[in-house]
Amino acid sequence: MQTHIIEVKVSDETLKRLDERARHIGQDRAEFAGKLIEKELAEPEAPKADKTFDEILAPIRQGFAETGMTENELDQMFEEAREEVWQERQKANGTR
């Protein structure tokens, strides 16, 4: 296989994380970066099944935490929305 050299701009933090991950699995920076690129391009349309449900929900949890809402307030908001949808369906079906 012929190899090529590419130049990529990354932040200092990204470079630090790349080096840490590469060291963790016993590879150097270039080898690890190359494997990451190859892995990503191997199946570009494949779903990301390598994430846990907890990892997928992390941004949602963070957004919820930033709202300052309590769990009870969130429950109430969903209950009100559910009731509103139910009422609309009842009207649309002519059952009210």
PDB file of N, CA and C in Angstrom:
ATOM      1  N   MET A   1       0.837  -1.175   0.000  1.00  0.00           N
ATOM      2  CA  MET A   1       0.000   0.000   0.000  1.00  0.00           C
ATOM      3  C   MET A   1       0.881   1.236   0.000  1.00  0.00           C
ATOM      4  N   GLN A   2       0.576   2.148  -0.889  1.00  0.00           N
ATOM      5  CA  GLN A   2       1.299   3.409  -0.945  1.00  0.00           C
ATOM      6  C   GLN A   2       0.740   4.344   0.127  1.00  0.00           C
ATOM      7  N   THR A   3       1.601   5.066   0.806  1.00  0.00           N
ATOM      8  CA  THR A   3       1.141   5.996   1.833  1.00  0.00           C
ATOM      9  C   THR A   3       1.365   7.425   1.371  1.00  0.00           C
ATOM     10  N   HIS A   4       0.588   8.319   1.952  1.00  0.00           N
ATOM     11  CA  HIS A   4       0.669   9.738   1.625  1.00  0.00           C
ATOM     12  C   HIS A   4       0.723  10.549   2.909  1.00  0.00           C
ATOM     13  N   ILE A   5       1.296  11.703   2.828  1.00  0.00           N
ATOM     14  CA  ILE A   5       1.377  12.613   3.966  1.00  0.00           C
ATOM     15  C   ILE A   5       0.375  13.737   3.742  1.00  0.00           C
ATOM     16  N   ILE A   6      -0.436  13.991   4.772  1.00  0.00           N
ATOM     17  CA  ILE A   6      -1.362  15.117   4.710  1.00  0.00           C
ATOM     18  C   ILE A   6      -1.122  16.024   5.904  1.00  0.00           C
ATOM     19  N   GLU A   7      -1.463  17.272   5.753  1.00  0.00           N
ATOM     20  CA  GLU A   7      -1.320  18.226   6.842  1.00  0.00           C
ATOM     21  C   GLU A   7      -2.715  18.620   7.300  1.00  0.00           C
ATOM     22  N   VAL A   8      -2.941  18.550   8.608  1.00  0.00           N
ATOM     23  CA  VAL A   8      -4.254  18.845   9.166  1.00  0.00           C
ATOM     24  C   VAL A   8      -4.092  19.848  10.299  1.00  0.00           C
ATOM     25  N   LYS A   9      -4.943  20.867  10.313  1.00  0.00           N
ATOM     26  CA  LYS A   9      -4.914  21.852  11.391  1.00  0.00           C
ATOM     27  C   LYS A   9      -5.841  21.397  12.512  1.00  0.00           C
ATOM     28  N   VAL A  10      -5.297  21.302  13.715  1.00  0.00           N
ATOM     29  CA  VAL A  10      -6.084  20.941  14.897  1.00  0.00           C
ATOM     30  C   VAL A  10      -5.648  21.819  16.059  1.00  0.00           C
ATOM     31  N   SER A  11      -6.517  21.935  17.045  1.00  0.00           N
ATOM     32  CA  SER A  11      -6.184  22.727  18.227  1.00  0.00           C
ATOM     33  C   SER A  11      -5.161  21.985  19.088  1.00  0.00           C
ATOM     34  N   ASP A  12      -4.542  22.719  20.004  1.00  0.00           N
ATOM     35  CA  ASP A  12      -3.597  22.095  20.940  1.00  0.00           C
ATOM     36  C   ASP A  12      -4.298  21.015  21.764  1.00  0.00           C
ATOM     37  N   GLU A  13      -5.536  21.284  22.168  1.00  0.00           N
ATOM     38  CA  GLU A  13      -6.295  20.321  22.966  1.00  0.00           C
ATOM     39  C   GLU A  13      -6.561  19.045  22.171  1.00  0.00           C
ATOM     40  N   THR A  14      -6.930  19.189  20.911  1.00  0.00           N
ATOM     41  CA  THR A  14      -7.180  18.021  20.071  1.00  0.00           C
ATOM     42  C   THR A  14      -5.904  17.209  19.882  1.00  0.00           C
ATOM     43  N   LEU A  15      -4.797  17.891  19.658  1.00  0.00           N
ATOM     44  CA  LEU A  15      -3.518  17.201  19.483  1.00  0.00           C
ATOM     45  C   LEU A  15      -3.143  16.438  20.755  1.00  0.00           C
ATOM     46  N   LYS A  16      -3.383  17.057  21.892  1.00  0.00           N
ATOM     47  CA  LYS A  16      -3.095  16.411  23.171  1.00  0.00           C
ATOM     48  C   LYS A  16      -3.949  15.146  23.329  1.00  0.00           C
ATOM     49  N   ARG A  17      -5.241  15.250  23.022  1.00  0.00           N
ATOM     50  CA  ARG A  17      -6.131  14.093  23.138  1.00  0.00           C
ATOM     51  C   ARG A  17      -5.743  12.996  22.145  1.00  0.00           C
ATOM     52  N   LEU A  18      -5.354  13.399  20.937  1.00  0.00           N
ATOM     53  CA  LEU A  18      -4.909  12.428  19.931  1.00  0.00           C
ATOM     54  C   LEU A  18      -3.693  11.662  20.439  1.00  0.00           C
ATOM     55  N   ASP A  19      -2.728  12.392  20.981  1.00  0.00           N
ATOM     56  CA  ASP A  19      -1.521  11.751  21.509  1.00  0.00           C
ATOM     57  C   ASP A  19      -1.844  10.807  22.668  1.00  0.00           C
ATOM     58  N   GLU A  20      -2.729  11.232  23.558  1.00  0.00           N
ATOM     59  CA  GLU A  20      -3.100  10.393  24.699  1.00  0.00           C
ATOM     60  C   GLU A  20      -3.761   9.099  24.249  1.00  0.00           C
ATOM     61  N   ARG A  21      -4.694   9.211  23.299  1.00  0.00           N
ATOM     62  CA  ARG A  21      -5.390   8.021  22.813  1.00  0.00           C
ATOM     63  C   ARG A  21      -4.432   7.098  22.077  1.00  0.00           C
ATOM     64  N   ALA A  22      -3.539   7.676  21.287  1.00  0.00           N
ATOM     65  CA  ALA A  22      -2.567   6.864  20.549  1.00  0.00           C
ATOM     66  C   ALA A  22      -1.660   6.116  21.516  1.00  0.00           C
ATOM     67  N   ARG A  23      -1.148   6.820  22.529  1.00  0.00           N
ATOM     68  CA  ARG A  23      -0.286   6.175  23.528  1.00  0.00           C
ATOM     69  C   ARG A  23      -1.022   5.062  24.250  1.00  0.00           C
ATOM     70  N   HIS A  24      -2.295   5.317  24.543  1.00  0.00           N
ATOM     71  CA  HIS A  24      -3.104   4.340  25.283  1.00  0.00           C
ATOM     72  C   HIS A  24      -3.187   3.001  24.549  1.00  0.00           C
ATOM     73  N   ILE A  25      -3.215   3.045  23.235  1.00  0.00           N
ATOM     74  CA  ILE A  25      -3.296   1.789  22.477  1.00  0.00           C
ATOM     75  C   ILE A  25      -1.959   1.391  21.861  1.00  0.00           C
ATOM     76  N   GLY A  26      -0.901   2.114  22.223  1.00  0.00           N
ATOM     77  CA  GLY A  26       0.439   1.718  21.784  1.00  0.00           C
ATOM     78  C   GLY A  26       0.793   2.086  20.360  1.00  0.00           C
ATOM     79  N   GLN A  27       0.230   3.180  19.854  1.00  0.00           N
ATOM     80  CA  GLN A  27       0.551   3.633  18.508  1.00  0.00           C
ATOM     81  C   GLN A  27       1.131   5.040  18.576  1.00  0.00           C
ATOM     82  N   ASP A  28       1.800   5.429  17.499  1.00  0.00           N
ATOM     83  CA  ASP A  28       2.245   6.817  17.453  1.00  0.00           C
ATOM     84  C   ASP A  28       1.130   7.666  16.851  1.00  0.00           C
ATOM     85  N   ARG A  29       1.292   8.974  16.914  1.00  0.00           N
ATOM     86  CA  ARG A  29       0.278   9.925  16.474  1.00  0.00           C
ATOM     87  C   ARG A  29      -0.165   9.678  15.029  1.00  0.00           C
ATOM     88  N   ALA A  30       0.789   9.574  14.129  1.00  0.00           N
ATOM     89  CA  ALA A  30       0.474   9.426  12.706  1.00  0.00           C
ATOM     90  C   ALA A  30      -0.265   8.123  12.426  1.00  0.00           C
ATOM     91  N   GLU A  31       0.205   7.049  13.036  1.00  0.00           N
ATOM     92  CA  GLU A  31      -0.435   5.748  12.830  1.00  0.00           C
ATOM     93  C   GLU A  31      -1.877   5.777  13.336  1.00  0.00           C
ATOM     94  N   PHE A  32      -2.071   6.340  14.518  1.00  0.00           N
ATOM     95  CA  PHE A  32      -3.409   6.399  15.099  1.00  0.00           C
ATOM     96  C   PHE A  32      -4.341   7.282  14.268  1.00  0.00           C
ATOM     97  N   ALA A  33      -3.855   8.451  13.841  1.00  0.00           N
ATOM     98  CA  ALA A  33      -4.663   9.354  13.024  1.00  0.00           C
ATOM     99  C   ALA A  33      -5.051   8.681  11.703  1.00  0.00           C
ATOM    100  N   GLY A  34      -4.114   7.983  11.107  1.00  0.00           N
ATOM    101  CA  GLY A  34      -4.409   7.272   9.871  1.00  0.00           C
ATOM    102  C   GLY A  34      -5.486   6.221  10.057  1.00  0.00           C
ATOM    103  N   LYS A  35      -5.411   5.474  11.163  1.00  0.00           N
ATOM    104  CA  LYS A  35      -6.418   4.444  11.444  1.00  0.00           C
ATOM    105  C   LYS A  35      -7.790   5.088  11.662  1.00  0.00           C
ATOM    106  N   LEU A  36      -7.822   6.248  12.335  1.00  0.00           N
ATOM    107  CA  LEU A  36      -9.091   6.945  12.539  1.00  0.00           C
ATOM    108  C   LEU A  36      -9.724   7.331  11.204  1.00  0.00           C
ATOM    109  N   ILE A  37      -8.921   7.857  10.317  1.00  0.00           N
ATOM    110  CA  ILE A  37      -9.418   8.264   9.003  1.00  0.00           C
ATOM    111  C   ILE A  37      -9.922   7.045   8.233  1.00  0.00           C
ATOM    112  N   GLU A  38      -9.125   5.981   8.204  1.00  0.00           N
ATOM    113  CA  GLU A  38      -9.533   4.772   7.493  1.00  0.00           C
ATOM    114  C   GLU A  38     -10.825   4.195   8.064  1.00  0.00           C
ATOM    115  N   LYS A  39     -10.944   4.179   9.373  1.00  0.00           N
ATOM    116  CA  LYS A  39     -12.148   3.651  10.020  1.00  0.00           C
ATOM    117  C   LYS A  39     -13.363   4.480   9.630  1.00  0.00           C
ATOM    118  N   GLU A  40     -13.242   5.789   9.663  1.00  0.00           N
ATOM    119  CA  GLU A  40     -14.357   6.671   9.331  1.00  0.00           C
ATOM    120  C   GLU A  40     -14.775   6.507   7.876  1.00  0.00           C
ATOM    121  N   LEU A  41     -13.822   6.335   6.990  1.00  0.00           N
ATOM    122  CA  LEU A  41     -14.132   6.235   5.569  1.00  0.00           C
ATOM    123  C   LEU A  41     -14.536   4.836   5.124  1.00  0.00           C
ATOM    124  N   ALA A  42     -14.283   3.840   5.947  1.00  0.00           N
ATOM    125  CA  ALA A  42     -14.601   2.466   5.570  1.00  0.00           C
ATOM    126  C   ALA A  42     -16.096   2.287   5.342  1.00  0.00           C
ATOM    127  N   GLU A  43     -16.910   2.871   6.197  1.00  0.00           N
ATOM    128  CA  GLU A  43     -18.360   2.782   6.084  1.00  0.00           C
ATOM    129  C   GLU A  43     -18.949   4.145   6.430  1.00  0.00           C
ATOM    130  N   PRO A  44     -18.841   5.104   5.510  1.00  0.00           N
ATOM    131  CA  PRO A  44     -19.265   6.471   5.836  1.00  0.00           C
ATOM    132  C   PRO A  44     -20.748   6.620   6.156  1.00  0.00           C
ATOM    133  N   GLU A  45     -21.579   5.731   5.661  1.00  0.00           N
ATOM    134  CA  GLU A  45     -23.017   5.837   5.903  1.00  0.00           C
ATOM    135  C   GLU A  45     -23.490   4.925   7.035  1.00  0.00           C
ATOM    136  N   ALA A  46     -22.580   4.189   7.642  1.00  0.00           N
ATOM    137  CA  ALA A  46     -22.963   3.245   8.684  1.00  0.00           C
ATOM    138  C   ALA A  46     -23.401   3.991   9.936  1.00  0.00           C
ATOM    139  N   PRO A  47     -24.429   3.490  10.625  1.00  0.00           N
ATOM    140  CA  PRO A  47     -24.853   4.124  11.878  1.00  0.00           C
ATOM    141  C   PRO A  47     -23.766   3.986  12.935  1.00  0.00           C
ATOM    142  N   LYS A  48     -23.713   4.926  13.824  1.00  0.00           N
ATOM    143  CA  LYS A  48     -22.702   4.931  14.878  1.00  0.00           C
ATOM    144  C   LYS A  48     -23.148   4.076  16.061  1.00  0.00           C
ATOM    145  N   ALA A  49     -23.074   2.775  15.894  1.00  0.00           N
ATOM    146  CA  ALA A  49     -23.494   1.852  16.938  1.00  0.00           C
ATOM    147  C   ALA A  49     -22.446   1.702  18.029  1.00  0.00           C
ATOM    148  N   ASP A  50     -21.312   2.370  17.865  1.00  0.00           N
ATOM    149  CA  ASP A  50     -20.255   2.234  18.852  1.00  0.00           C
ATOM    150  C   ASP A  50     -20.473   3.138  20.058  1.00  0.00           C
ATOM    151  N   LYS A  51     -21.538   3.955  20.056  1.00  0.00           N
ATOM    152  CA  LYS A  51     -21.833   4.811  21.198  1.00  0.00           C
ATOM    153  C   LYS A  51     -22.856   4.132  22.097  1.00  0.00           C
ATOM    154  N   THR A  52     -22.673   4.323  23.392  1.00  0.00           N
ATOM    155  CA  THR A  52     -23.651   3.801  24.335  1.00  0.00           C
ATOM    156  C   THR A  52     -24.846   4.736  24.372  1.00  0.00           C
ATOM    157  N   PHE A  53     -25.952   4.246  24.884  1.00  0.00           N
ATOM    158  CA  PHE A  53     -27.149   5.066  25.024  1.00  0.00           C
ATOM    159  C   PHE A  53     -26.844   6.278  25.907  1.00  0.00           C
ATOM    160  N   ASP A  54     -26.043   6.067  26.935  1.00  0.00           N
ATOM    161  CA  ASP A  54     -25.647   7.156  27.827  1.00  0.00           C
ATOM    162  C   ASP A  54     -24.882   8.239  27.069  1.00  0.00           C
ATOM    163  N   GLU A  55     -23.988   7.851  26.166  1.00  0.00           N
ATOM    164  CA  GLU A  55     -23.229   8.819  25.370  1.00  0.00           C
ATOM    165  C   GLU A  55     -24.127   9.577  24.396  1.00  0.00           C
ATOM    166  N   ILE A  56     -25.101   8.880  23.842  1.00  0.00           N
ATOM    167  CA  ILE A  56     -26.027   9.521  22.913  1.00  0.00           C
ATOM    168  C   ILE A  56     -26.880  10.564  23.632  1.00  0.00           C
ATOM    169  N   LEU A  57     -27.294  10.246  24.856  1.00  0.00           N
ATOM    170  CA  LEU A  57     -28.162  11.146  25.607  1.00  0.00           C
ATOM    171  C   LEU A  57     -27.420  12.266  26.336  1.00  0.00           C
ATOM    172  N   ALA A  58     -26.109  12.196  26.400  1.00  0.00           N
ATOM    173  CA  ALA A  58     -25.335  13.192  27.151  1.00  0.00           C
ATOM    174  C   ALA A  58     -25.653  14.637  26.744  1.00  0.00           C
ATOM    175  N   PRO A  59     -25.699  14.982  25.446  1.00  0.00           N
ATOM    176  CA  PRO A  59     -26.017  16.370  25.090  1.00  0.00           C
ATOM    177  C   PRO A  59     -27.430  16.789  25.517  1.00  0.00           C
ATOM    178  N   ILE A  60     -28.358  15.846  25.494  1.00  0.00           N
ATOM    179  CA  ILE A  60     -29.727  16.145  25.928  1.00  0.00           C
ATOM    180  C   ILE A  60     -29.745  16.423  27.423  1.00  0.00           C
ATOM    181  N   ARG A  61     -29.060  15.591  28.167  1.00  0.00           N
ATOM    182  CA  ARG A  61     -28.981  15.796  29.622  1.00  0.00           C
ATOM    183  C   ARG A  61     -28.334  17.134  29.950  1.00  0.00           C
ATOM    184  N   GLN A  62     -27.274  17.464  29.227  1.00  0.00           N
ATOM    185  CA  GLN A  62     -26.587  18.734  29.466  1.00  0.00           C
ATOM    186  C   GLN A  62     -27.522  19.907  29.164  1.00  0.00           C
ATOM    187  N   GLY A  63     -28.233  19.816  28.054  1.00  0.00           N
ATOM    188  CA  GLY A  63     -29.175  20.876  27.705  1.00  0.00           C
ATOM    189  C   GLY A  63     -30.261  21.025  28.754  1.00  0.00           C
ATOM    190  N   PHE A  64     -30.768  19.905  29.258  1.00  0.00           N
ATOM    191  CA  PHE A  64     -31.778  19.939  30.311  1.00  0.00           C
ATOM    192  C   PHE A  64     -31.214  20.600  31.562  1.00  0.00           C
ATOM    193  N   ALA A  65     -29.998  20.229  31.940  1.00  0.00           N
ATOM    194  CA  ALA A  65     -29.373  20.803  33.135  1.00  0.00           C
ATOM    195  C   ALA A  65     -29.212  22.312  32.998  1.00  0.00           C
ATOM    196  N   GLU A  66     -28.906  22.764  31.788  1.00  0.00           N
ATOM    197  CA  GLU A  66     -28.702  24.192  31.552  1.00  0.00           C
ATOM    198  C   GLU A  66     -29.995  24.994  31.616  1.00  0.00           C
ATOM    199  N   THR A  67     -31.151  24.326  31.451  1.00  0.00           N
ATOM    200  CA  THR A  67     -32.427  25.045  31.524  1.00  0.00           C
ATOM    201  C   THR A  67     -32.768  25.439  32.951  1.00  0.00           C
ATOM    202  N   GLY A  68     -32.237  24.711  33.916  1.00  0.00           N
ATOM    203  CA  GLY A  68     -32.568  24.976  35.308  1.00  0.00           C
ATOM    204  C   GLY A  68     -33.903  24.370  35.717  1.00  0.00           C
ATOM    205  N   MET A  69     -34.548  23.651  34.824  1.00  0.00           N
ATOM    206  CA  MET A  69     -35.828  23.010  35.097  1.00  0.00           C
ATOM    207  C   MET A  69     -35.647  21.834  36.042  1.00  0.00           C
ATOM    208  N   THR A  70     -36.659  21.615  36.885  1.00  0.00           N
ATOM    209  CA  THR A  70     -36.625  20.422  37.731  1.00  0.00           C
ATOM    210  C   THR A  70     -37.227  19.258  36.937  1.00  0.00           C
ATOM    211  N   GLU A  71     -37.027  18.047  37.428  1.00  0.00           N
ATOM    212  CA  GLU A  71     -37.622  16.888  36.764  1.00  0.00           C
ATOM    213  C   GLU A  71     -39.142  16.968  36.800  1.00  0.00           C
ATOM    214  N   ASN A  72     -39.691  17.461  37.915  1.00  0.00           N
ATOM    215  CA  ASN A  72     -41.143  17.596  38.016  1.00  0.00           C
ATOM    216  C   ASN A  72     -41.675  18.592  36.989  1.00  0.00           C
ATOM    217  N   GLU A  73     -40.956  19.688  36.785  1.00  0.00           N
ATOM    218  CA  GLU A  73     -41.371  20.670  35.784  1.00  0.00           C
ATOM    219  C   GLU A  73     -41.319  20.071  34.383  1.00  0.00           C
ATOM    220  N   LEU A  74     -40.287  19.278  34.107  1.00  0.00           N
ATOM    221  CA  LEU A  74     -40.178  18.614  32.812  1.00  0.00           C
ATOM    222  C   LEU A  74     -41.324  17.622  32.620  1.00  0.00           C
ATOM    223  N   ASP A  75     -41.611  16.835  33.659  1.00  0.00           N
ATOM    224  CA  ASP A  75     -42.731  15.895  33.595  1.00  0.00           C
ATOM    225  C   ASP A  75     -44.037  16.631  33.297  1.00  0.00           C
ATOM    226  N   GLN A  76     -44.247  17.751  33.978  1.00  0.00           N
ATOM    227  CA  GLN A  76     -45.468  18.533  33.784  1.00  0.00           C
ATOM    228  C   GLN A  76     -45.550  19.057  32.350  1.00  0.00           C
ATOM    229  N   MET A  77     -44.417  19.545  31.822  1.00  0.00           N
ATOM    230  CA  MET A  77     -44.395  20.058  30.454  1.00  0.00           C
ATOM    231  C   MET A  77     -44.777  18.954  29.461  1.00  0.00           C
ATOM    232  N   PHE A  78     -44.215  17.749  29.630  1.00  0.00           N
ATOM    233  CA  PHE A  78     -44.550  16.641  28.740  1.00  0.00           C
ATOM    234  C   PHE A  78     -46.004  16.221  28.899  1.00  0.00           C
ATOM    235  N   GLU A  79     -46.495  16.207  30.119  1.00  0.00           N
ATOM    236  CA  GLU A  79     -47.885  15.832  30.351  1.00  0.00           C
ATOM    237  C   GLU A  79     -48.829  16.821  29.677  1.00  0.00           C
ATOM    238  N   GLU A  80     -48.533  18.115  29.780  1.00  0.00           N
ATOM    239  CA  GLU A  80     -49.361  19.130  29.136  1.00  0.00           C
ATOM    240  C   GLU A  80     -49.330  18.979  27.615  1.00  0.00           C
ATOM    241  N   ALA A  81     -48.149  18.709  27.070  1.00  0.00           N
ATOM    242  CA  ALA A  81     -48.024  18.523  25.623  1.00  0.00           C
ATOM    243  C   ALA A  81     -48.779  17.272  25.174  1.00  0.00           C
ATOM    244  N   ARG A  82     -48.684  16.202  25.951  1.00  0.00           N
ATOM    245  CA  ARG A  82     -49.406  14.969  25.632  1.00  0.00           C
ATOM    246  C   ARG A  82     -50.908  15.205  25.648  1.00  0.00           C
ATOM    247  N   GLU A  83     -51.375  15.906  26.660  1.00  0.00           N
ATOM    248  CA  GLU A  83     -52.803  16.201  26.781  1.00  0.00           C
ATOM    249  C   GLU A  83     -53.282  17.070  25.625  1.00  0.00           C
ATOM    250  N   GLU A  84     -52.477  18.041  25.244  1.00  0.00           N
ATOM    251  CA  GLU A  84     -52.838  18.912  24.122  1.00  0.00           C
ATOM    252  C   GLU A  84     -52.967  18.118  22.819  1.00  0.00           C
ATOM    253  N   VAL A  85     -52.028  17.219  22.572  1.00  0.00           N
ATOM    254  CA  VAL A  85     -52.088  16.381  21.369  1.00  0.00           C
ATOM    255  C   VAL A  85     -53.315  15.478  21.418  1.00  0.00           C
ATOM    256  N   TRP A  86     -53.602  14.905  22.578  1.00  0.00           N
ATOM    257  CA  TRP A  86     -54.765  14.032  22.728  1.00  0.00           C
ATOM    258  C   TRP A  86     -56.046  14.799  22.427  1.00  0.00           C
ATOM    259  N   GLN A  87     -56.145  16.024  22.987  1.00  0.00           N
ATOM    260  CA  GLN A  87     -57.329  16.854  22.755  1.00  0.00           C
ATOM    261  C   GLN A  87     -57.497  17.159  21.265  1.00  0.00           C
ATOM    262  N   GLU A  88     -56.404  17.504  20.596  1.00  0.00           N
ATOM    263  CA  GLU A  88     -56.456  17.812  19.171  1.00  0.00           C
ATOM    264  C   GLU A  88     -56.908  16.600  18.361  1.00  0.00           C
ATOM    265  N   ARG A  89     -56.427  15.422  18.717  1.00  0.00           N
ATOM    266  CA  ARG A  89     -56.832  14.206  18.010  1.00  0.00           C
ATOM    267  C   ARG A  89     -58.315  13.907  18.235  1.00  0.00           C
ATOM    268  N   GLN A  90     -58.762  14.152  19.448  1.00  0.00           N
ATOM    269  CA  GLN A  90     -60.187  13.918  19.737  1.00  0.00           C
ATOM    270  C   GLN A  90     -61.051  14.834  18.893  1.00  0.00           C
ATOM    271  N   LYS A  91     -60.656  16.096  18.776  1.00  0.00           N
ATOM    272  CA  LYS A  91     -61.409  17.055  17.948  1.00  0.00           C
ATOM    273  C   LYS A  91     -61.373  16.638  16.473  1.00  0.00           C
ATOM    274  N   ALA A  92     -60.210  16.226  16.010  1.00  0.00           N
ATOM    275  CA  ALA A  92     -60.054  15.837  14.607  1.00  0.00           C
ATOM    276  C   ALA A  92     -60.887  14.598  14.282  1.00  0.00           C
ATOM    277  N   ASN A  93     -61.043  13.703  15.236  1.00  0.00           N
ATOM    278  CA  ASN A  93     -61.823  12.476  15.035  1.00  0.00           C
ATOM    279  C   ASN A  93     -63.299  12.699  15.290  1.00  0.00           C
ATOM    280  N   GLY A  94     -63.653  13.886  15.773  1.00  0.00           N
ATOM    281  CA  GLY A  94     -65.043  14.194  16.045  1.00  0.00           C
ATOM    282  C   GLY A  94     -65.631  13.445  17.219  1.00  0.00           C
ATOM    283  N   THR A  95     -64.776  13.020  18.141  1.00  0.00           N
ATOM    284  CA  THR A  95     -65.260  12.252  19.283  1.00  0.00           C
ATOM    285  C   THR A  95     -65.484  13.113  20.515  1.00  0.00           C
ATOM    286  N   ARG A  96     -65.410  14.401  20.351  1.00  0.00           N
ATOM    287  CA  ARG A  96     -65.654  15.270  21.512  1.00  0.00           C
ATOM    288  C   ARG A  96     -66.852  16.096  21.300  1.00  0.00           C
TER     289      ARG A  96
END
